[in-house]
N, C-alpha and C. Protein backbone atom coordinates (compact mmCIF):
# COMPACT_ATOMS: atom_id res chain seq x y z
N MET A 1 13.96 -46.92 -6.04
CA MET A 1 14.19 -45.41 -6.25
C MET A 1 13.26 -44.92 -7.10
N ASN A 2 13.09 -45.69 -8.03
CA ASN A 2 12.57 -44.86 -9.74
C ASN A 2 11.53 -44.75 -9.60
N THR A 3 10.53 -45.58 -8.51
CA THR A 3 9.42 -45.59 -8.38
C THR A 3 9.12 -43.89 -7.20
N THR A 4 10.02 -43.55 -6.70
CA THR A 4 10.48 -42.64 -5.82
C THR A 4 10.09 -41.61 -6.78
N PHE A 5 11.60 -41.32 -7.77
CA PHE A 5 11.61 -40.29 -8.41
C PHE A 5 10.32 -39.68 -9.25
N ASN A 6 9.32 -40.77 -9.58
CA ASN A 6 8.28 -40.68 -10.60
C ASN A 6 7.05 -40.37 -9.63
N LYS A 7 6.96 -40.01 -8.14
CA LYS A 7 5.52 -39.84 -7.46
C LYS A 7 6.08 -38.37 -7.55
N MET A 8 7.75 -37.98 -7.20
CA MET A 8 8.19 -37.00 -6.40
C MET A 8 8.00 -35.63 -8.02
N ARG A 9 7.90 -36.35 -9.35
CA ARG A 9 8.39 -36.08 -10.81
C ARG A 9 7.18 -34.26 -10.81
N PRO A 10 5.68 -34.94 -10.48
CA PRO A 10 4.78 -34.26 -10.27
C PRO A 10 4.97 -33.10 -9.61
N LEU A 11 5.41 -33.19 -8.21
CA LEU A 11 5.44 -32.18 -6.94
C LEU A 11 6.41 -31.55 -7.33
N THR A 12 7.37 -31.87 -7.74
CA THR A 12 8.85 -30.84 -8.38
C THR A 12 7.91 -29.95 -8.93
N LEU A 13 7.33 -30.39 -10.17
CA LEU A 13 7.06 -29.39 -11.64
C LEU A 13 5.82 -28.51 -11.14
N LEU A 14 4.64 -28.95 -10.17
CA LEU A 14 3.97 -27.98 -9.52
C LEU A 14 4.43 -26.62 -8.67
N ALA A 15 5.57 -27.03 -7.82
CA ALA A 15 6.41 -26.40 -7.24
C ALA A 15 7.31 -25.11 -8.18
N ALA A 16 7.64 -25.45 -9.35
CA ALA A 16 8.42 -24.77 -10.04
C ALA A 16 7.34 -23.83 -11.10
N LEU A 17 6.29 -24.16 -11.05
CA LEU A 17 4.77 -23.88 -11.78
C LEU A 17 4.44 -22.53 -10.84
N LEU A 18 3.99 -22.20 -9.90
CA LEU A 18 3.60 -21.76 -8.58
C LEU A 18 4.78 -20.90 -8.14
N ALA A 19 6.10 -21.28 -7.92
CA ALA A 19 7.03 -20.20 -8.07
C ALA A 19 7.49 -19.28 -9.19
N SER A 20 6.89 -20.00 -10.29
CA SER A 20 7.09 -18.98 -11.73
C SER A 20 6.01 -17.88 -11.79
N MET A 21 4.92 -18.41 -11.59
CA MET A 21 3.94 -17.91 -11.01
C MET A 21 3.73 -16.50 -10.29
N THR A 22 4.08 -16.61 -9.14
CA THR A 22 4.26 -15.83 -8.26
C THR A 22 5.75 -14.74 -8.40
N LEU A 23 6.45 -15.43 -9.12
CA LEU A 23 7.61 -14.54 -10.04
C LEU A 23 6.89 -13.12 -11.02
N LEU A 24 6.27 -13.54 -11.50
CA LEU A 24 5.13 -13.15 -12.93
C LEU A 24 4.19 -11.99 -12.31
N THR A 25 3.91 -12.51 -11.14
CA THR A 25 2.57 -11.87 -11.08
C THR A 25 2.78 -10.03 -10.40
N PRO A 26 2.52 -9.37 -10.98
CA PRO A 26 3.09 -7.36 -10.60
C PRO A 26 2.50 -7.62 -8.96
N ALA A 27 3.55 -6.80 -8.21
CA ALA A 27 3.02 -6.50 -7.12
C ALA A 27 1.55 -6.23 -7.08
N SER A 28 1.04 -4.90 -7.42
CA SER A 28 0.03 -5.15 -7.49
C SER A 28 -1.04 -5.70 -7.16
N ALA A 29 -0.64 -6.41 -8.17
CA ALA A 29 -2.40 -8.15 -7.53
C ALA A 29 -1.89 -8.61 -6.74
N LEU A 30 -0.91 -8.46 -6.10
CA LEU A 30 -0.21 -9.41 -4.39
C LEU A 30 -1.10 -8.44 -3.32
N GLU A 31 -1.40 -6.78 -3.38
CA GLU A 31 -1.81 -6.25 -2.31
C GLU A 31 -3.68 -6.01 -2.94
N PRO A 32 -3.71 -6.03 -1.22
CA PRO A 32 -5.49 -5.38 -1.23
C PRO A 32 -5.87 -4.61 -2.44
N THR A 33 -6.74 -4.69 -3.39
CA THR A 33 -6.94 -3.65 -4.01
C THR A 33 -8.24 -2.43 -3.69
N VAL A 34 -8.07 -1.61 -4.32
CA VAL A 34 -9.03 -0.43 -3.47
C VAL A 34 -10.41 -0.76 -4.84
N PRO A 35 -11.66 -0.71 -4.28
CA PRO A 35 -12.53 -0.16 -5.37
C PRO A 35 -12.45 1.18 -6.71
N ASP A 36 -12.84 1.07 -7.46
CA ASP A 36 -13.02 2.20 -8.04
C ASP A 36 -13.78 3.55 -7.54
N GLN A 37 -14.29 3.30 -6.77
CA GLN A 37 -15.42 4.36 -6.28
C GLN A 37 -14.01 4.44 -5.24
N GLY A 38 -13.17 3.83 -4.51
CA GLY A 38 -12.58 3.93 -3.54
C GLY A 38 -10.87 4.85 -3.99
N ARG A 39 -10.62 5.01 -5.54
CA ARG A 39 -10.00 4.94 -5.66
C ARG A 39 -10.34 6.81 -5.62
N MET A 40 -11.18 7.28 -6.23
CA MET A 40 -12.02 8.47 -6.33
C MET A 40 -11.59 9.29 -5.34
N LEU A 41 -11.78 8.35 -4.45
CA LEU A 41 -12.16 9.44 -3.22
C LEU A 41 -9.96 9.40 -2.77
N LEU A 42 -9.73 8.19 -2.67
CA LEU A 42 -7.79 8.44 -2.54
C LEU A 42 -7.69 9.56 -3.07
N ARG A 43 -8.19 10.02 -4.86
CA ARG A 43 -7.64 10.91 -5.62
C ARG A 43 -7.82 12.27 -4.59
N GLU A 44 -8.59 12.26 -4.17
CA GLU A 44 -9.17 14.00 -3.47
C GLU A 44 -8.20 14.16 -2.39
N ALA A 45 -7.45 12.79 -1.75
CA ALA A 45 -6.32 13.35 -1.08
C ALA A 45 -4.94 13.65 -1.45
N ASN A 46 -4.83 14.13 -3.16
CA ASN A 46 -3.70 14.81 -3.02
C ASN A 46 -3.62 16.01 -2.34
N GLY A 47 -2.33 16.10 -2.31
CA GLY A 47 -1.79 17.83 -1.57
C GLY A 47 -0.59 17.38 -0.43
N GLN A 48 -0.12 18.79 0.21
CA GLN A 48 -0.03 18.71 1.32
C GLN A 48 -0.95 19.33 2.49
N TYR A 49 -0.59 18.58 3.52
CA TYR A 49 -1.16 18.86 4.54
C TYR A 49 -0.33 19.67 6.11
N GLN A 50 -0.51 20.13 6.95
CA GLN A 50 0.17 20.71 7.96
C GLN A 50 -0.60 19.61 9.15
N LEU A 51 0.75 18.61 9.90
CA LEU A 51 0.63 18.19 11.30
C LEU A 51 0.44 19.51 12.33
N ASP A 52 -0.24 18.50 13.34
CA ASP A 52 -0.47 20.09 14.73
C ASP A 52 1.09 20.03 15.32
N ASP A 53 1.98 19.38 15.07
CA ASP A 53 3.08 19.78 15.22
C ASP A 53 4.20 20.51 14.94
N GLY A 54 3.31 20.74 13.51
CA GLY A 54 4.13 21.60 12.29
C GLY A 54 5.05 20.63 11.03
N ARG A 55 5.07 19.60 11.36
CA ARG A 55 5.38 18.97 10.00
C ARG A 55 4.43 18.96 9.02
N TRP A 56 4.95 19.01 7.92
CA TRP A 56 4.31 18.24 6.23
C TRP A 56 4.32 17.35 6.33
N VAL A 57 2.87 17.12 5.30
CA VAL A 57 3.19 15.86 4.99
C VAL A 57 2.20 15.70 3.39
N LYS A 58 3.06 15.12 2.65
CA LYS A 58 2.79 15.75 0.87
C LYS A 58 2.09 14.03 0.95
N VAL A 59 0.60 14.00 -0.02
CA VAL A 59 0.63 12.87 -0.46
C VAL A 59 0.05 13.08 -1.90
N SER A 60 0.33 12.18 -2.72
CA SER A 60 0.21 12.34 -3.97
C SER A 60 0.04 10.46 -4.80
N VAL A 61 -1.56 10.71 -5.23
CA VAL A 61 -1.95 9.93 -5.66
C VAL A 61 -2.11 9.41 -7.32
N GLY A 62 -1.13 8.71 -7.71
CA GLY A 62 -1.57 8.41 -9.34
C GLY A 62 -2.76 7.09 -9.62
N PHE A 63 -2.27 7.20 -10.79
CA PHE A 63 -3.68 6.08 -11.64
C PHE A 63 -3.15 4.67 -10.90
N SER A 64 -2.08 4.18 -10.40
CA SER A 64 -1.97 2.85 -9.78
C SER A 64 -0.32 3.36 -8.82
N ARG A 65 -0.33 4.30 -8.34
CA ARG A 65 0.50 4.70 -7.15
C ARG A 65 0.07 5.69 -5.66
N LEU A 66 0.71 5.12 -4.68
CA LEU A 66 -0.08 6.18 -3.81
C LEU A 66 1.37 6.55 -3.40
N ALA A 67 2.00 7.73 -3.40
CA ALA A 67 3.20 8.38 -2.54
C ALA A 67 2.49 8.97 -1.48
N VAL A 68 3.83 9.52 -0.42
CA VAL A 68 3.94 10.02 0.73
C VAL A 68 4.95 10.43 1.21
N SER A 69 5.38 11.48 1.29
CA SER A 69 6.71 12.26 2.03
C SER A 69 6.12 12.96 3.58
N VAL A 70 7.08 12.80 4.19
CA VAL A 70 6.54 13.32 5.36
C VAL A 70 8.42 14.67 5.43
N ASP A 71 7.80 15.83 5.62
CA ASP A 71 8.27 16.80 6.12
C ASP A 71 9.43 16.43 5.07
N GLU A 72 9.32 17.28 3.65
CA GLU A 72 10.58 17.09 2.65
C GLU A 72 11.60 15.77 2.60
N GLY A 73 11.24 14.64 3.21
CA GLY A 73 11.83 13.86 3.13
C GLY A 73 11.98 13.54 1.77
N THR A 74 12.12 12.33 1.51
CA THR A 74 11.55 11.46 0.53
C THR A 74 10.40 10.86 0.44
N THR A 75 10.21 10.38 -0.85
CA THR A 75 9.00 10.43 -1.11
C THR A 75 8.79 8.93 -1.39
N GLU A 76 7.71 8.18 -0.52
CA GLU A 76 8.13 6.74 -0.36
C GLU A 76 6.41 6.09 -1.00
N GLN A 77 6.80 4.76 -1.42
CA GLN A 77 5.29 4.19 -2.47
C GLN A 77 4.72 3.66 -0.59
N TRP A 78 3.76 4.19 -0.39
CA TRP A 78 2.76 3.65 0.72
C TRP A 78 1.48 2.62 -0.34
N ARG A 79 0.94 2.26 0.86
CA ARG A 79 -0.40 1.16 0.41
C ARG A 79 -1.88 1.75 0.94
N ALA A 80 -2.67 1.48 0.48
CA ALA A 80 -4.37 1.88 0.76
C ALA A 80 -4.81 1.24 1.39
N GLU A 81 -5.00 1.34 2.63
CA GLU A 81 -5.99 0.39 3.21
C GLU A 81 -7.44 0.50 3.37
N GLY A 82 -7.92 0.73 2.19
CA GLY A 82 -9.18 1.45 2.36
C GLY A 82 -9.51 2.72 1.92
N THR A 83 -10.24 3.28 2.22
CA THR A 83 -10.35 5.13 1.53
C THR A 83 -9.89 6.07 2.75
N GLU A 84 -9.96 5.63 4.13
CA GLU A 84 -9.06 6.26 5.07
C GLU A 84 -7.93 6.05 5.54
N LEU A 85 -7.39 5.09 5.24
CA LEU A 85 -6.08 4.66 6.00
C LEU A 85 -4.94 4.39 4.94
N LEU A 86 -3.79 5.04 4.91
CA LEU A 86 -2.91 4.82 4.25
C LEU A 86 -1.69 4.27 4.95
N ILE A 87 -0.66 3.17 4.85
CA ILE A 87 -0.34 2.17 5.53
C ILE A 87 1.49 2.65 4.82
N SER A 88 2.33 2.63 5.09
CA SER A 88 3.72 3.12 4.73
C SER A 88 4.48 1.57 4.62
N PRO A 89 5.42 1.51 3.99
CA PRO A 89 5.87 0.05 3.57
C PRO A 89 6.96 -0.34 4.86
N ASP A 90 7.18 0.19 5.75
CA ASP A 90 7.71 -0.99 6.57
C ASP A 90 6.57 -1.22 8.04
N ARG A 91 5.22 -0.99 7.72
CA ARG A 91 4.12 -1.05 8.26
C ARG A 91 4.72 -0.48 9.75
N MET A 92 5.32 0.59 10.36
CA MET A 92 5.33 1.28 11.12
C MET A 92 4.82 2.66 11.33
N ARG A 93 4.05 3.19 9.71
CA ARG A 93 3.28 4.56 10.10
C ARG A 93 2.05 4.52 9.43
N ARG A 94 1.36 5.31 9.76
CA ARG A 94 -0.06 5.30 9.43
C ARG A 94 -0.35 6.55 8.91
N VAL A 95 -1.43 7.06 8.04
CA VAL A 95 -2.04 8.45 7.59
C VAL A 95 -3.37 8.05 7.62
N ARG A 96 -4.28 8.76 8.32
CA ARG A 96 -5.57 8.71 8.62
C ARG A 96 -5.95 9.75 7.84
N LEU A 97 -6.96 10.08 6.54
CA LEU A 97 -7.49 10.94 6.48
C LEU A 97 -9.38 10.69 7.06
N ILE A 98 -8.87 12.14 7.53
CA ILE A 98 -9.75 12.87 8.07
C ILE A 98 -11.25 13.33 7.10
N ARG A 99 -12.18 13.25 6.94
CA ARG A 99 -13.05 14.34 5.74
C ARG A 99 -13.82 14.88 6.55
N ASN A 100 -14.49 15.88 5.33
CA ASN A 100 -15.48 16.85 5.81
C ASN A 100 -16.77 15.56 5.90
N ALA A 101 -18.15 16.54 5.73
CA ALA A 101 -19.44 16.21 5.57
C ALA A 101 -19.39 15.65 4.15
N ASP A 102 -19.07 16.31 3.18
CA ASP A 102 -18.86 16.14 1.76
C ASP A 102 -18.34 15.46 1.54
N GLY A 103 -17.52 14.50 2.32
CA GLY A 103 -16.38 13.79 1.73
C GLY A 103 -15.01 14.03 1.38
N SER A 104 -14.58 15.44 1.07
CA SER A 104 -13.34 15.75 1.27
C SER A 104 -12.30 15.75 2.26
N VAL A 105 -11.50 15.18 1.72
CA VAL A 105 -10.43 15.36 2.86
C VAL A 105 -10.38 16.89 3.74
N ASP A 106 -10.38 16.74 5.12
CA ASP A 106 -10.28 17.89 5.70
C ASP A 106 -8.87 17.93 6.45
N ARG A 107 -8.50 17.25 6.98
CA ARG A 107 -6.74 16.88 7.56
C ARG A 107 -6.32 15.65 7.69
N ILE A 108 -5.18 15.37 8.06
CA ILE A 108 -4.56 14.14 8.21
C ILE A 108 -3.78 14.08 9.67
N ALA A 109 -4.13 12.81 10.26
CA ALA A 109 -3.25 12.63 10.94
C ALA A 109 -2.43 11.09 11.23
N LEU A 110 -0.95 11.80 11.66
CA LEU A 110 -0.01 10.77 11.39
C LEU A 110 0.48 9.74 12.64
N GLU A 111 0.06 8.32 12.36
CA GLU A 111 0.52 7.74 13.66
C GLU A 111 1.78 7.00 13.59
N THR A 112 2.30 6.71 14.53
CA THR A 112 3.85 5.93 14.44
C THR A 112 3.89 4.91 15.33
N ASP A 113 4.33 3.81 15.02
CA ASP A 113 4.42 2.63 16.14
C ASP A 113 6.34 3.03 16.54
N ARG A 114 6.34 2.48 17.94
CA ARG A 114 7.84 2.70 18.09
C ARG A 114 8.48 1.16 18.12
N TYR A 115 9.50 0.80 17.96
CA TYR A 115 10.63 -0.26 17.66
C TYR A 115 10.68 -0.33 18.72
N ARG A 116 10.43 -1.73 19.10
CA ARG A 116 10.56 -2.88 20.65
C ARG A 116 11.95 -3.06 21.09
């Protein structure tokens, strides 16, 4: 029994080390990152946009955060999947950035998945 404990101990220590690293790692490091050039393009998306159905979407891009609110609702932290797509925390809503020829954001499209 003593040999089993000695063999299991290094694995337990390794598991504890990995668990502590996961808890100490900032959430931003666990998400896909956007290159610096992409951040500049995302910052150009700051502002309010009116959707085809009359609702308003407000996009706020900061140095390390991306927030979106729909129709004066609460502002939520969203995630960028590249420079053209923003994804909600529940992954059920997406904002597509539609750009002009010069690269500035002309309008946006809000896509919503239905619950099954």
